[in-house]
Amino acid sequence: MILSLVRIIKAFRDYNRAYRELSELSERELADIGIDRGDIERVAAGAYRKAA
């Protein structure tokens, strides 16, 4: 139970980090990696799901 809680916390931190880092990129940098600003939440959520 404690391990699953730790995993959830880590995954949420990974989501926040991914969201923040992607949000700091310019439109050009986002386009270079094939996403636009509207995709940031979905991409960050994918990082969250992989980590959980």
PDB file of N, CA and C in Angstrom:
ATOM      1  N   MET A   1       0.824  -1.189   0.000  1.00  0.00           N
ATOM      2  CA  MET A   1       0.000   0.000   0.000  1.00  0.00           C
ATOM      3  C   MET A   1       0.869   1.255   0.000  1.00  0.00           C
ATOM      4  N   ILE A   2       1.871   1.272   0.818  1.00  0.00           N
ATOM      5  CA  ILE A   2       2.776   2.433   0.869  1.00  0.00           C
ATOM      6  C   ILE A   2       3.502   2.579  -0.463  1.00  0.00           C
ATOM      7  N   LEU A   3       3.920   1.456  -1.056  1.00  0.00           N
ATOM      8  CA  LEU A   3       4.622   1.532  -2.336  1.00  0.00           C
ATOM      9  C   LEU A   3       3.720   2.095  -3.430  1.00  0.00           C
ATOM     10  N   SER A   4       2.449   1.723  -3.437  1.00  0.00           N
ATOM     11  CA  SER A   4       1.557   2.259  -4.461  1.00  0.00           C
ATOM     12  C   SER A   4       1.336   3.758  -4.251  1.00  0.00           C
ATOM     13  N   LEU A   5       1.271   4.190  -3.020  1.00  0.00           N
ATOM     14  CA  LEU A   5       1.140   5.618  -2.741  1.00  0.00           C
ATOM     15  C   LEU A   5       2.378   6.370  -3.216  1.00  0.00           C
ATOM     16  N   VAL A   6       3.538   5.807  -2.974  1.00  0.00           N
ATOM     17  CA  VAL A   6       4.785   6.423  -3.429  1.00  0.00           C
ATOM     18  C   VAL A   6       4.805   6.497  -4.951  1.00  0.00           C
ATOM     19  N   ARG A   7       4.349   5.444  -5.622  1.00  0.00           N
ATOM     20  CA  ARG A   7       4.305   5.454  -7.092  1.00  0.00           C
ATOM     21  C   ARG A   7       3.363   6.530  -7.616  1.00  0.00           C
ATOM     22  N   ILE A   8       2.211   6.678  -6.971  1.00  0.00           N
ATOM     23  CA  ILE A   8       1.247   7.696  -7.395  1.00  0.00           C
ATOM     24  C   ILE A   8       1.836   9.096  -7.226  1.00  0.00           C
ATOM     25  N   ILE A   9       2.483   9.326  -6.113  1.00  0.00           N
ATOM     26  CA  ILE A   9       3.095  10.637  -5.868  1.00  0.00           C
ATOM     27  C   ILE A   9       4.187  10.906  -6.888  1.00  0.00           C
ATOM     28  N   LYS A  10       5.027   9.906  -7.155  1.00  0.00           N
ATOM     29  CA  LYS A  10       6.095  10.072  -8.146  1.00  0.00           C
ATOM     30  C   LYS A  10       5.509  10.343  -9.530  1.00  0.00           C
ATOM     31  N   ALA A  11       4.471   9.603  -9.890  1.00  0.00           N
ATOM     32  CA  ALA A  11       3.854   9.787 -11.198  1.00  0.00           C
ATOM     33  C   ALA A  11       3.258  11.190 -11.325  1.00  0.00           C
ATOM     34  N   PHE A  12       2.624  11.679 -10.279  1.00  0.00           N
ATOM     35  CA  PHE A  12       2.053  13.019 -10.322  1.00  0.00           C
ATOM     36  C   PHE A  12       3.143  14.073 -10.449  1.00  0.00           C
ATOM     37  N   ARG A  13       4.255  13.862  -9.758  1.00  0.00           N
ATOM     38  CA  ARG A  13       5.386  14.788  -9.888  1.00  0.00           C
ATOM     39  C   ARG A  13       5.937  14.756 -11.308  1.00  0.00           C
ATOM     40  N   ASP A  14       5.996  13.566 -11.919  1.00  0.00           N
ATOM     41  CA  ASP A  14       6.451  13.451 -13.310  1.00  0.00           C
ATOM     42  C   ASP A  14       5.519  14.207 -14.249  1.00  0.00           C
ATOM     43  N   TYR A  15       4.206  14.089 -14.008  1.00  0.00           N
ATOM     44  CA  TYR A  15       3.229  14.823 -14.811  1.00  0.00           C
ATOM     45  C   TYR A  15       3.464  16.328 -14.698  1.00  0.00           C
ATOM     46  N   ASN A  16       3.592  16.805 -13.470  1.00  0.00           N
ATOM     47  CA  ASN A  16       3.807  18.241 -13.262  1.00  0.00           C
ATOM     48  C   ASN A  16       5.083  18.718 -13.934  1.00  0.00           C
ATOM     49  N   ARG A  17       6.146  17.937 -13.833  1.00  0.00           N
ATOM     50  CA  ARG A  17       7.414  18.309 -14.456  1.00  0.00           C
ATOM     51  C   ARG A  17       7.272  18.369 -15.971  1.00  0.00           C
ATOM     52  N   ALA A  18       6.658  17.337 -16.563  1.00  0.00           N
ATOM     53  CA  ALA A  18       6.476  17.307 -18.014  1.00  0.00           C
ATOM     54  C   ALA A  18       5.613  18.477 -18.477  1.00  0.00           C
ATOM     55  N   TYR A  19       4.529  18.738 -17.762  1.00  0.00           N
ATOM     56  CA  TYR A  19       3.638  19.841 -18.122  1.00  0.00           C
ATOM     57  C   TYR A  19       4.375  21.176 -18.059  1.00  0.00           C
ATOM     58  N   ARG A  20       5.100  21.383 -16.983  1.00  0.00           N
ATOM     59  CA  ARG A  20       5.828  22.644 -16.806  1.00  0.00           C
ATOM     60  C   ARG A  20       6.898  22.820 -17.886  1.00  0.00           C
ATOM     61  N   GLU A  21       7.664  21.763 -18.144  1.00  0.00           N
ATOM     62  CA  GLU A  21       8.734  21.875 -19.139  1.00  0.00           C
ATOM     63  C   GLU A  21       8.179  22.109 -20.537  1.00  0.00           C
ATOM     64  N   LEU A  22       7.119  21.405 -20.891  1.00  0.00           N
ATOM     65  CA  LEU A  22       6.517  21.618 -22.209  1.00  0.00           C
ATOM     66  C   LEU A  22       5.904  23.008 -22.318  1.00  0.00           C
ATOM     67  N   SER A  23       5.317  23.497 -21.249  1.00  0.00           N
ATOM     68  CA  SER A  23       4.703  24.826 -21.264  1.00  0.00           C
ATOM     69  C   SER A  23       5.732  25.927 -21.465  1.00  0.00           C
ATOM     70  N   GLU A  24       6.956  25.676 -21.080  1.00  0.00           N
ATOM     71  CA  GLU A  24       8.009  26.688 -21.217  1.00  0.00           C
ATOM     72  C   GLU A  24       8.588  26.758 -22.623  1.00  0.00           C
ATOM     73  N   LEU A  25       8.255  25.772 -23.468  1.00  0.00           N
ATOM     74  CA  LEU A  25       8.780  25.769 -24.836  1.00  0.00           C
ATOM     75  C   LEU A  25       8.031  26.773 -25.705  1.00  0.00           C
ATOM     76  N   SER A  26       8.728  27.285 -26.713  1.00  0.00           N
ATOM     77  CA  SER A  26       8.098  28.200 -27.666  1.00  0.00           C
ATOM     78  C   SER A  26       7.231  27.400 -28.641  1.00  0.00           C
ATOM     79  N   GLU A  27       6.391  28.112 -29.385  1.00  0.00           N
ATOM     80  CA  GLU A  27       5.556  27.459 -30.398  1.00  0.00           C
ATOM     81  C   GLU A  27       6.437  26.708 -31.401  1.00  0.00           C
ATOM     82  N   ARG A  28       7.551  27.297 -31.768  1.00  0.00           N
ATOM     83  CA  ARG A  28       8.468  26.679 -32.732  1.00  0.00           C
ATOM     84  C   ARG A  28       9.073  25.389 -32.170  1.00  0.00           C
ATOM     85  N   GLU A  29       9.500  25.432 -30.914  1.00  0.00           N
ATOM     86  CA  GLU A  29      10.076  24.239 -30.286  1.00  0.00           C
ATOM     87  C   GLU A  29       9.034  23.124 -30.160  1.00  0.00           C
ATOM     88  N   LEU A  30       7.812  23.485 -29.816  1.00  0.00           N
ATOM     89  CA  LEU A  30       6.744  22.488 -29.748  1.00  0.00           C
ATOM     90  C   LEU A  30       6.492  21.873 -31.123  1.00  0.00           C
ATOM     91  N   ALA A  31       6.454  22.720 -32.154  1.00  0.00           N
ATOM     92  CA  ALA A  31       6.245  22.224 -33.513  1.00  0.00           C
ATOM     93  C   ALA A  31       7.380  21.286 -33.927  1.00  0.00           C
ATOM     94  N   ASP A  32       8.600  21.587 -33.505  1.00  0.00           N
ATOM     95  CA  ASP A  32       9.746  20.740 -33.836  1.00  0.00           C
ATOM     96  C   ASP A  32       9.604  19.328 -33.276  1.00  0.00           C
ATOM     97  N   ILE A  33       8.916  19.195 -32.148  1.00  0.00           N
ATOM     98  CA  ILE A  33       8.730  17.855 -31.574  1.00  0.00           C
ATOM     99  C   ILE A  33       7.352  17.280 -31.907  1.00  0.00           C
ATOM    100  N   GLY A  34       6.612  17.989 -32.760  1.00  0.00           N
ATOM    101  CA  GLY A  34       5.369  17.459 -33.298  1.00  0.00           C
ATOM    102  C   GLY A  34       4.131  17.636 -32.441  1.00  0.00           C
ATOM    103  N   ILE A  35       4.143  18.612 -31.542  1.00  0.00           N
ATOM    104  CA  ILE A  35       2.935  18.884 -30.756  1.00  0.00           C
ATOM    105  C   ILE A  35       2.643  20.376 -30.792  1.00  0.00           C
ATOM    106  N   ASP A  36       1.410  20.722 -30.452  1.00  0.00           N
ATOM    107  CA  ASP A  36       1.101  22.139 -30.292  1.00  0.00           C
ATOM    108  C   ASP A  36       0.674  22.377 -28.851  1.00  0.00           C
ATOM    109  N   ARG A  37       0.449  23.615 -28.526  1.00  0.00           N
ATOM    110  CA  ARG A  37       0.184  23.981 -27.129  1.00  0.00           C
ATOM    111  C   ARG A  37      -1.030  23.230 -26.569  1.00  0.00           C
ATOM    112  N   GLY A  38      -2.009  22.956 -27.422  1.00  0.00           N
ATOM    113  CA  GLY A  38      -3.202  22.235 -26.983  1.00  0.00           C
ATOM    114  C   GLY A  38      -2.943  20.772 -26.633  1.00  0.00           C
ATOM    115  N   ASP A  39      -1.811  20.240 -27.057  1.00  0.00           N
ATOM    116  CA  ASP A  39      -1.469  18.838 -26.788  1.00  0.00           C
ATOM    117  C   ASP A  39      -0.710  18.644 -25.486  1.00  0.00           C
ATOM    118  N   ILE A  40      -0.275  19.724 -24.871  1.00  0.00           N
ATOM    119  CA  ILE A  40       0.617  19.613 -23.710  1.00  0.00           C
ATOM    120  C   ILE A  40      -0.009  18.782 -22.592  1.00  0.00           C
ATOM    121  N   GLU A  41      -1.248  19.053 -22.253  1.00  0.00           N
ATOM    122  CA  GLU A  41      -1.871  18.317 -21.152  1.00  0.00           C
ATOM    123  C   GLU A  41      -1.961  16.821 -21.471  1.00  0.00           C
ATOM    124  N   ARG A  42      -2.335  16.496 -22.703  1.00  0.00           N
ATOM    125  CA  ARG A  42      -2.450  15.089 -23.107  1.00  0.00           C
ATOM    126  C   ARG A  42      -1.100  14.395 -23.073  1.00  0.00           C
ATOM    127  N   VAL A  43      -0.077  15.066 -23.568  1.00  0.00           N
ATOM    128  CA  VAL A  43       1.267  14.482 -23.570  1.00  0.00           C
ATOM    129  C   VAL A  43       1.767  14.302 -22.143  1.00  0.00           C
ATOM    130  N   ALA A  44       1.571  15.299 -21.310  1.00  0.00           N
ATOM    131  CA  ALA A  44       1.992  15.194 -19.903  1.00  0.00           C
ATOM    132  C   ALA A  44       1.206  14.096 -19.188  1.00  0.00           C
ATOM    133  N   ALA A  45      -0.078  13.961 -19.495  1.00  0.00           N
ATOM    134  CA  ALA A  45      -0.889  12.907 -18.879  1.00  0.00           C
ATOM    135  C   ALA A  45      -0.383  11.531 -19.305  1.00  0.00           C
ATOM    136  N   GLY A  46       0.110  11.435 -20.526  1.00  0.00           N
ATOM    137  CA  GLY A  46       0.702  10.169 -20.970  1.00  0.00           C
ATOM    138  C   GLY A  46       1.920   9.820 -20.144  1.00  0.00           C
ATOM    139  N   ALA A  47       2.708  10.811 -19.799  1.00  0.00           N
ATOM    140  CA  ALA A  47       3.870  10.583 -18.933  1.00  0.00           C
ATOM    141  C   ALA A  47       3.408  10.140 -17.560  1.00  0.00           C
ATOM    142  N   TYR A  48       2.298  10.696 -17.094  1.00  0.00           N
ATOM    143  CA  TYR A  48       1.741  10.335 -15.785  1.00  0.00           C
ATOM    144  C   TYR A  48       1.283   8.876 -15.801  1.00  0.00           C
ATOM    145  N   ARG A  49       0.576   8.478 -16.848  1.00  0.00           N
ATOM    146  CA  ARG A  49       0.058   7.110 -16.916  1.00  0.00           C
ATOM    147  C   ARG A  49       1.175   6.086 -17.016  1.00  0.00           C
ATOM    148  N   LYS A  50       2.234   6.414 -17.761  1.00  0.00           N
ATOM    149  CA  LYS A  50       3.363   5.486 -17.883  1.00  0.00           C
ATOM    150  C   LYS A  50       4.051   5.281 -16.542  1.00  0.00           C
ATOM    151  N   ALA A  51       4.147   6.345 -15.761  1.00  0.00           N
ATOM    152  CA  ALA A  51       4.855   6.260 -14.483  1.00  0.00           C
ATOM    153  C   ALA A  51       4.025   5.565 -13.407  1.00  0.00           C
ATOM    154  N   ALA A  52       2.712   5.604 -13.540  1.00  0.00           N
ATOM    155  CA  ALA A  52       1.844   5.027 -12.489  1.00  0.00           C
ATOM    156  C   ALA A  52       1.766   3.531 -12.528  1.00  0.00           C
TER     157      ALA A  52
END
